[in-house]
Amino acid sequence: MQITVKIITSTPLEDCWNAYTLPEHITRWNFADPSWHCPSAQNDLRVGGTYLARMEAKDGSFGFDFEAVYTDVQPMKSFTYTFGGRNATVKFLTIPEGTEIVVSFDPESENPIELQQNGWQAILRQFKFFVENQYKS
């Protein structure tokens, strides 16, 4: 069973897509907590292409690479990727309020479901704040 998290932003679809997929923007929102950051990101957004983001605690105490391979890309609509034997899909939906972003992912077995859901939801909240307050197209 997949975990699903979502946000609604007043930002138009094209700006959401670009902010979510372009490395120069990914590094500005891709972390769950202000004590973390994403110092680097690479994204080859095509089937078979790879995504790589470095996630680190700002104090240098811990870090890891999040790497994925795209299995489906529908520009301005959705993409699916595999990572560590798991799958995730990100959907972008135009709604009257702006854009809804829905992320569904396979959970891992090391951490409780609630912790995983809260972590991915926190990253989406960072994205919403970025795209509504700091993003410039």
C-alpha atoms as a PDB file:
ATOM      1  CA  MET A   1       0.000   0.000   0.000  1.00  0.00           C
ATOM      2  CA  GLN A   2       1.406   3.380  -1.009  1.00  0.00           C
ATOM      3  CA  ILE A   3       1.535   6.499   1.150  1.00  0.00           C
ATOM      4  CA  THR A   4       0.045   9.656  -0.393  1.00  0.00           C
ATOM      5  CA  VAL A   5       0.781  13.266   0.533  1.00  0.00           C
ATOM      6  CA  LYS A   6      -0.491  16.402  -1.202  1.00  0.00           C
ATOM      7  CA  ILE A   7      -0.546  20.169  -1.178  1.00  0.00           C
ATOM      8  CA  ILE A   8      -2.538  22.883  -2.899  1.00  0.00           C
ATOM      9  CA  THR A   9      -0.764  26.046  -3.985  1.00  0.00           C
ATOM     10  CA  SER A  10      -2.040  29.194  -5.649  1.00  0.00           C
ATOM     11  CA  THR A  11       0.912  28.990  -8.060  1.00  0.00           C
ATOM     12  CA  PRO A  12       0.164  28.209 -11.737  1.00  0.00           C
ATOM     13  CA  LEU A  13       0.923  24.710 -13.045  1.00  0.00           C
ATOM     14  CA  GLU A  14       3.889  25.633 -15.265  1.00  0.00           C
ATOM     15  CA  ASP A  15       5.654  27.441 -12.412  1.00  0.00           C
ATOM     16  CA  CYS A  16       5.021  24.486 -10.074  1.00  0.00           C
ATOM     17  CA  TRP A  17       6.392  22.038 -12.644  1.00  0.00           C
ATOM     18  CA  ASN A  18       9.543  24.110 -13.177  1.00  0.00           C
ATOM     19  CA  ALA A  19      10.118  24.742  -9.472  1.00  0.00           C
ATOM     20  CA  TYR A  20       9.690  21.030  -8.748  1.00  0.00           C
ATOM     21  CA  THR A  21      11.909  19.713 -11.554  1.00  0.00           C
ATOM     22  CA  LEU A  22      14.710  22.215 -12.259  1.00  0.00           C
ATOM     23  CA  PRO A  23      17.852  21.640 -10.132  1.00  0.00           C
ATOM     24  CA  GLU A  24      18.401  25.335  -9.397  1.00  0.00           C
ATOM     25  CA  HIS A  25      15.015  25.380  -7.663  1.00  0.00           C
ATOM     26  CA  ILE A  26      15.081  21.875  -6.124  1.00  0.00           C
ATOM     27  CA  THR A  27      18.016  22.872  -3.917  1.00  0.00           C
ATOM     28  CA  ARG A  28      15.944  25.690  -2.414  1.00  0.00           C
ATOM     29  CA  TRP A  29      13.038  23.590  -1.061  1.00  0.00           C
ATOM     30  CA  ASN A  30      13.971  19.883  -1.005  1.00  0.00           C
ATOM     31  CA  PHE A  31      14.314  19.235   2.742  1.00  0.00           C
ATOM     32  CA  ALA A  32      11.870  18.387   5.520  1.00  0.00           C
ATOM     33  CA  ASP A  33      13.284  20.557   8.282  1.00  0.00           C
ATOM     34  CA  PRO A  34      15.088  23.943   8.405  1.00  0.00           C
ATOM     35  CA  SER A  35      18.091  22.247  10.045  1.00  0.00           C
ATOM     36  CA  TRP A  36      18.627  20.389   6.740  1.00  0.00           C
ATOM     37  CA  HIS A  37      19.404  21.512   3.224  1.00  0.00           C
ATOM     38  CA  CYS A  38      19.832  20.177  -0.296  1.00  0.00           C
ATOM     39  CA  PRO A  39      23.242  21.478  -1.412  1.00  0.00           C
ATOM     40  CA  SER A  40      23.100  19.900  -4.884  1.00  0.00           C
ATOM     41  CA  ALA A  41      20.628  18.391  -7.333  1.00  0.00           C
ATOM     42  CA  GLN A  42      20.770  16.941 -10.845  1.00  0.00           C
ATOM     43  CA  ASN A  43      17.738  16.027 -12.900  1.00  0.00           C
ATOM     44  CA  ASP A  44      17.511  14.322 -16.294  1.00  0.00           C
ATOM     45  CA  LEU A  45      13.708  14.309 -16.579  1.00  0.00           C
ATOM     46  CA  ARG A  46      13.087  11.634 -19.222  1.00  0.00           C
ATOM     47  CA  VAL A  47      12.292   7.921 -19.152  1.00  0.00           C
ATOM     48  CA  GLY A  48      15.550   6.235 -18.130  1.00  0.00           C
ATOM     49  CA  GLY A  49      16.954   9.539 -16.884  1.00  0.00           C
ATOM     50  CA  THR A  50      18.222   9.957 -13.346  1.00  0.00           C
ATOM     51  CA  TYR A  51      17.463  12.282 -10.469  1.00  0.00           C
ATOM     52  CA  LEU A  52      20.083  12.879  -7.784  1.00  0.00           C
ATOM     53  CA  ALA A  53      19.733  15.150  -4.767  1.00  0.00           C
ATOM     54  CA  ARG A  54      22.176  15.472  -1.884  1.00  0.00           C
ATOM     55  CA  MET A  55      20.421  15.881   1.469  1.00  0.00           C
ATOM     56  CA  GLU A  56      22.475  17.009   4.483  1.00  0.00           C
ATOM     57  CA  ALA A  57      22.068  18.262   8.007  1.00  0.00           C
ATOM     58  CA  LYS A  58      23.379  21.850   8.038  1.00  0.00           C
ATOM     59  CA  ASP A  59      25.678  21.007  10.944  1.00  0.00           C
ATOM     60  CA  GLY A  60      27.352  18.302   8.839  1.00  0.00           C
ATOM     61  CA  SER A  61      26.371  15.478  11.197  1.00  0.00           C
ATOM     62  CA  PHE A  62      24.541  13.391   8.585  1.00  0.00           C
ATOM     63  CA  GLY A  63      23.809  13.297   4.862  1.00  0.00           C
ATOM     64  CA  PHE A  64      22.692  11.022   2.086  1.00  0.00           C
ATOM     65  CA  ASP A  65      22.096  10.920  -1.664  1.00  0.00           C
ATOM     66  CA  PHE A  66      18.559  10.406  -2.936  1.00  0.00           C
ATOM     67  CA  GLU A  67      18.848   8.815  -6.361  1.00  0.00           C
ATOM     68  CA  ALA A  68      16.028   7.714  -8.660  1.00  0.00           C
ATOM     69  CA  VAL A  69      15.430   6.599 -12.251  1.00  0.00           C
ATOM     70  CA  TYR A  70      12.396   7.822 -14.186  1.00  0.00           C
ATOM     71  CA  THR A  71      10.057   5.153 -15.569  1.00  0.00           C
ATOM     72  CA  ASP A  72       7.337   7.481 -16.906  1.00  0.00           C
ATOM     73  CA  VAL A  73       7.245  11.213 -17.681  1.00  0.00           C
ATOM     74  CA  GLN A  74       4.143  13.104 -18.798  1.00  0.00           C
ATOM     75  CA  PRO A  75       5.285  16.768 -19.067  1.00  0.00           C
ATOM     76  CA  MET A  76       3.233  19.195 -16.983  1.00  0.00           C
ATOM     77  CA  LYS A  77       1.145  16.257 -15.678  1.00  0.00           C
ATOM     78  CA  SER A  78       3.128  13.587 -13.822  1.00  0.00           C
ATOM     79  CA  PHE A  79       6.235  11.488 -13.495  1.00  0.00           C
ATOM     80  CA  THR A  80       7.051   8.144 -11.910  1.00  0.00           C
ATOM     81  CA  TYR A  81      10.429   6.994 -10.667  1.00  0.00           C
ATOM     82  CA  THR A  82      12.056   4.068  -8.901  1.00  0.00           C
ATOM     83  CA  PHE A  83      14.420   4.464  -5.960  1.00  0.00           C
ATOM     84  CA  GLY A  84      15.908   1.747  -3.784  1.00  0.00           C
ATOM     85  CA  GLY A  85      13.493  -0.855  -5.136  1.00  0.00           C
ATOM     86  CA  ARG A  86      10.489   1.381  -4.444  1.00  0.00           C
ATOM     87  CA  ASN A  87       8.279   3.523  -6.687  1.00  0.00           C
ATOM     88  CA  ALA A  88       6.897   7.033  -6.429  1.00  0.00           C
ATOM     89  CA  THR A  89       4.559   9.079  -8.629  1.00  0.00           C
ATOM     90  CA  VAL A  90       4.171  12.859  -8.566  1.00  0.00           C
ATOM     91  CA  LYS A  91       1.036  14.347 -10.156  1.00  0.00           C
ATOM     92  CA  PHE A  92       0.347  17.985 -10.978  1.00  0.00           C
ATOM     93  CA  LEU A  93      -3.336  18.909 -11.244  1.00  0.00           C
ATOM     94  CA  THR A  94      -4.795  22.259 -12.293  1.00  0.00           C
ATOM     95  CA  ILE A  95      -7.614  23.170  -9.925  1.00  0.00           C
ATOM     96  CA  PRO A  96      -9.605  26.410  -9.426  1.00  0.00           C
ATOM     97  CA  GLU A  97      -7.328  27.435  -6.515  1.00  0.00           C
ATOM     98  CA  GLY A  98      -4.149  26.924  -8.583  1.00  0.00           C
ATOM     99  CA  THR A  99      -2.243  23.629  -8.595  1.00  0.00           C
ATOM    100  CA  GLU A 100      -2.545  20.474  -6.522  1.00  0.00           C
ATOM    101  CA  ILE A 101       0.538  18.293  -6.214  1.00  0.00           C
ATOM    102  CA  VAL A 102      -0.016  14.680  -5.177  1.00  0.00           C
ATOM    103  CA  VAL A 103       2.900  12.403  -4.283  1.00  0.00           C
ATOM    104  CA  SER A 104       2.349   8.664  -3.785  1.00  0.00           C
ATOM    105  CA  PHE A 105       5.241   6.432  -2.767  1.00  0.00           C
ATOM    106  CA  ASP A 106       6.025   2.932  -1.566  1.00  0.00           C
ATOM    107  CA  PRO A 107       6.976   2.968   2.110  1.00  0.00           C
ATOM    108  CA  GLU A 108      10.220   1.498   3.370  1.00  0.00           C
ATOM    109  CA  SER A 109      10.286  -1.003   6.231  1.00  0.00           C
ATOM    110  CA  GLU A 110      12.742   0.686   8.625  1.00  0.00           C
ATOM    111  CA  ASN A 111      10.600   3.595   9.849  1.00  0.00           C
ATOM    112  CA  PRO A 112       6.956   3.869  10.914  1.00  0.00           C
ATOM    113  CA  ILE A 113       4.459   4.828   8.174  1.00  0.00           C
ATOM    114  CA  GLU A 114       3.469   7.984  10.070  1.00  0.00           C
ATOM    115  CA  LEU A 115       7.082   9.172  10.226  1.00  0.00           C
ATOM    116  CA  GLN A 116       7.541   8.621   6.489  1.00  0.00           C
ATOM    117  CA  GLN A 117       4.257  10.365   5.667  1.00  0.00           C
ATOM    118  CA  ASN A 118       5.124  13.318   7.921  1.00  0.00           C
ATOM    119  CA  GLY A 119       8.596  13.646   6.364  1.00  0.00           C
ATOM    120  CA  TRP A 120       7.366  13.682   2.763  1.00  0.00           C
ATOM    121  CA  GLN A 121       4.508  16.031   3.729  1.00  0.00           C
ATOM    122  CA  ALA A 122       7.022  18.398   5.358  1.00  0.00           C
ATOM    123  CA  ILE A 123       9.010  18.507   2.115  1.00  0.00           C
ATOM    124  CA  LEU A 124       5.826  19.403   0.217  1.00  0.00           C
ATOM    125  CA  ARG A 125       5.146  22.200   2.734  1.00  0.00           C
ATOM    126  CA  GLN A 126       8.667  23.531   2.046  1.00  0.00           C
ATOM    127  CA  PHE A 127       7.882  23.385  -1.678  1.00  0.00           C
ATOM    128  CA  LYS A 128       4.612  25.292  -1.193  1.00  0.00           C
ATOM    129  CA  PHE A 129       6.368  28.001   0.821  1.00  0.00           C
ATOM    130  CA  PHE A 130       9.122  28.283  -1.789  1.00  0.00           C
ATOM    131  CA  VAL A 131       6.851  28.404  -4.831  1.00  0.00           C
ATOM    132  CA  GLU A 132       4.457  30.923  -3.233  1.00  0.00           C
ATOM    133  CA  ASN A 133       7.065  33.215  -1.644  1.00  0.00           C
ATOM    134  CA  GLN A 134      10.478  32.867  -3.274  1.00  0.00           C
ATOM    135  CA  TYR A 135      10.126  31.358  -6.764  1.00  0.00           C
ATOM    136  CA  LYS A 136      10.850  33.563  -9.755  1.00  0.00           C
ATOM    137  CA  SER A 137      10.214  32.147 -13.223  1.00  0.00           C
END
